[in-house]
């Protein structure tokens, strides 16, 4: 069963897309042989990769919801939070 640490890791990987774009930009600027087709192929691939990363995050989140790893107490709180912290949220 996946947990909040798996979700956190998947979210961090999702943020990798920005770094991927920076690397692609640098390579394309340095290359004299980049064609429109080559650039389009790289961007299509990056788009697909980003979609797969997003789907993984969503799948983990959905699995966690189905397994009851979240409770709603005024806001979403990770299951297993100490009871005294849950009580504080009720007062807000």
C-alpha atoms as a PDB file:
ATOM      1  CA  UNK A   1       0.000   0.000   0.000  1.00  0.00           C
ATOM      2  CA  UNK A   2       1.377   3.377  -0.986  1.00  0.00           C
ATOM      3  CA  UNK A   3       1.439   6.189   1.569  1.00  0.00           C
ATOM      4  CA  UNK A   4       2.082   9.902   1.932  1.00  0.00           C
ATOM      5  CA  UNK A   5       5.796   9.426   1.372  1.00  0.00           C
ATOM      6  CA  UNK A   6       5.113   7.853  -2.029  1.00  0.00           C
ATOM      7  CA  UNK A   7       2.817  10.766  -2.822  1.00  0.00           C
ATOM      8  CA  UNK A   8       5.438  13.299  -1.753  1.00  0.00           C
ATOM      9  CA  UNK A   9       8.082  11.604  -3.899  1.00  0.00           C
ATOM     10  CA  UNK A  10       5.777  11.525  -6.933  1.00  0.00           C
ATOM     11  CA  UNK A  11       4.983  15.217  -6.478  1.00  0.00           C
ATOM     12  CA  UNK A  12       8.688  16.057  -6.371  1.00  0.00           C
ATOM     13  CA  UNK A  13       9.280  14.097  -9.590  1.00  0.00           C
ATOM     14  CA  UNK A  14       6.351  15.941 -11.173  1.00  0.00           C
ATOM     15  CA  UNK A  15       8.243  19.167 -10.541  1.00  0.00           C
ATOM     16  CA  UNK A  16      11.149  17.787 -12.583  1.00  0.00           C
ATOM     17  CA  UNK A  17       9.400  18.952 -15.780  1.00  0.00           C
ATOM     18  CA  UNK A  18      10.664  22.497 -15.242  1.00  0.00           C
ATOM     19  CA  UNK A  19      14.257  21.259 -15.059  1.00  0.00           C
ATOM     20  CA  UNK A  20      13.654  19.097 -18.145  1.00  0.00           C
ATOM     21  CA  UNK A  21      12.474  22.163 -20.067  1.00  0.00           C
ATOM     22  CA  UNK A  22      15.556  24.120 -18.987  1.00  0.00           C
ATOM     23  CA  UNK A  23      17.841  21.334 -20.206  1.00  0.00           C
ATOM     24  CA  UNK A  24      15.992  21.062 -23.525  1.00  0.00           C
ATOM     25  CA  UNK A  25      16.182  24.828 -24.005  1.00  0.00           C
ATOM     26  CA  UNK A  26      19.935  24.867 -23.338  1.00  0.00           C
ATOM     27  CA  UNK A  27      20.556  21.999 -25.756  1.00  0.00           C
ATOM     28  CA  UNK A  28      18.460  23.554 -28.497  1.00  0.00           C
ATOM     29  CA  UNK A  29      20.153  26.938 -28.130  1.00  0.00           C
ATOM     30  CA  UNK A  30      23.606  25.328 -28.348  1.00  0.00           C
ATOM     31  CA  UNK A  31      22.702  23.158 -31.337  1.00  0.00           C
ATOM     32  CA  UNK A  32      23.071  24.521 -34.847  1.00  0.00           C
ATOM     33  CA  UNK A  33      21.331  21.500 -36.346  1.00  0.00           C
ATOM     34  CA  UNK A  34      17.994  21.627 -34.520  1.00  0.00           C
ATOM     35  CA  UNK A  35      15.104  21.395 -36.935  1.00  0.00           C
ATOM     36  CA  UNK A  36      11.468  22.142 -36.337  1.00  0.00           C
ATOM     37  CA  UNK A  37      10.742  18.395 -36.448  1.00  0.00           C
ATOM     38  CA  UNK A  38      13.448  17.635 -33.873  1.00  0.00           C
ATOM     39  CA  UNK A  39      12.172  20.329 -31.534  1.00  0.00           C
ATOM     40  CA  UNK A  40       8.575  19.148 -31.975  1.00  0.00           C
ATOM     41  CA  UNK A  41       9.557  15.534 -31.228  1.00  0.00           C
ATOM     42  CA  UNK A  42      11.349  16.535 -28.026  1.00  0.00           C
ATOM     43  CA  UNK A  43       8.405  18.642 -26.852  1.00  0.00           C
ATOM     44  CA  UNK A  44       5.879  15.904 -27.684  1.00  0.00           C
ATOM     45  CA  UNK A  45       7.974  13.445 -25.680  1.00  0.00           C
ATOM     46  CA  UNK A  46       8.234  15.810 -22.728  1.00  0.00           C
ATOM     47  CA  UNK A  47       4.488  16.385 -22.820  1.00  0.00           C
ATOM     48  CA  UNK A  48       3.853  12.630 -22.684  1.00  0.00           C
ATOM     49  CA  UNK A  49       6.348  12.221 -19.840  1.00  0.00           C
ATOM     50  CA  UNK A  50       4.667  14.992 -17.849  1.00  0.00           C
ATOM     51  CA  UNK A  51       1.283  13.331 -18.417  1.00  0.00           C
ATOM     52  CA  UNK A  52       2.627  10.007 -17.100  1.00  0.00           C
ATOM     53  CA  UNK A  53       4.114  11.715 -14.049  1.00  0.00           C
ATOM     54  CA  UNK A  54       0.811  13.446 -13.328  1.00  0.00           C
ATOM     55  CA  UNK A  55      -1.130  10.185 -13.729  1.00  0.00           C
ATOM     56  CA  UNK A  56       1.187   8.509 -11.195  1.00  0.00           C
ATOM     57  CA  UNK A  57       0.557  11.283  -8.647  1.00  0.00           C
ATOM     58  CA  UNK A  58      -3.189  11.007  -9.202  1.00  0.00           C
ATOM     59  CA  UNK A  59      -3.130   7.192  -8.918  1.00  0.00           C
ATOM     60  CA  UNK A  60      -1.260   7.351  -5.594  1.00  0.00           C
ATOM     61  CA  UNK A  61      -3.608  10.026  -4.250  1.00  0.00           C
ATOM     62  CA  UNK A  62      -6.674   8.042  -5.344  1.00  0.00           C
ATOM     63  CA  UNK A  63      -5.292   4.867  -3.729  1.00  0.00           C
ATOM     64  CA  UNK A  64      -4.677   6.732  -0.490  1.00  0.00           C
ATOM     65  CA  UNK A  65      -8.259   8.067  -0.502  1.00  0.00           C
ATOM     66  CA  UNK A  66      -9.669   4.585  -1.165  1.00  0.00           C
ATOM     67  CA  UNK A  67      -7.611   3.160   1.726  1.00  0.00           C
ATOM     68  CA  UNK A  68      -8.880   5.817   4.142  1.00  0.00           C
ATOM     69  CA  UNK A  69      -5.533   7.486   4.678  1.00  0.00           C
ATOM     70  CA  UNK A  70      -7.213  10.892   4.870  1.00  0.00           C
ATOM     71  CA  UNK A  71      -9.839  12.186   7.279  1.00  0.00           C
ATOM     72  CA  UNK A  72     -11.749  15.412   6.978  1.00  0.00           C
ATOM     73  CA  UNK A  73     -11.725  17.471  10.141  1.00  0.00           C
ATOM     74  CA  UNK A  74     -12.222  21.028   9.003  1.00  0.00           C
ATOM     75  CA  UNK A  75      -9.487  20.312   6.451  1.00  0.00           C
ATOM     76  CA  UNK A  76      -7.831  17.149   5.179  1.00  0.00           C
ATOM     77  CA  UNK A  77      -5.561  15.620   7.786  1.00  0.00           C
ATOM     78  CA  UNK A  78      -3.390  12.556   7.324  1.00  0.00           C
ATOM     79  CA  UNK A  79      -4.851   9.574   9.157  1.00  0.00           C
ATOM     80  CA  UNK A  80      -2.875   8.712  12.253  1.00  0.00           C
ATOM     81  CA  UNK A  81      -2.320  12.287  13.364  1.00  0.00           C
ATOM     82  CA  UNK A  82      -2.227  12.451  17.172  1.00  0.00           C
ATOM     83  CA  UNK A  83      -5.729  12.925  18.588  1.00  0.00           C
ATOM     84  CA  UNK A  84      -4.826  16.140  20.445  1.00  0.00           C
ATOM     85  CA  UNK A  85      -3.955  17.761  17.094  1.00  0.00           C
ATOM     86  CA  UNK A  86      -7.310  16.673  15.658  1.00  0.00           C
ATOM     87  CA  UNK A  87      -9.072  18.272  18.634  1.00  0.00           C
ATOM     88  CA  UNK A  88      -7.244  21.579  18.005  1.00  0.00           C
ATOM     89  CA  UNK A  89      -8.546  21.607  14.411  1.00  0.00           C
ATOM     90  CA  UNK A  90     -12.138  21.239  15.610  1.00  0.00           C
ATOM     91  CA  UNK A  91     -11.873  24.460  17.625  1.00  0.00           C
ATOM     92  CA  UNK A  92     -10.837  26.537  14.575  1.00  0.00           C
END
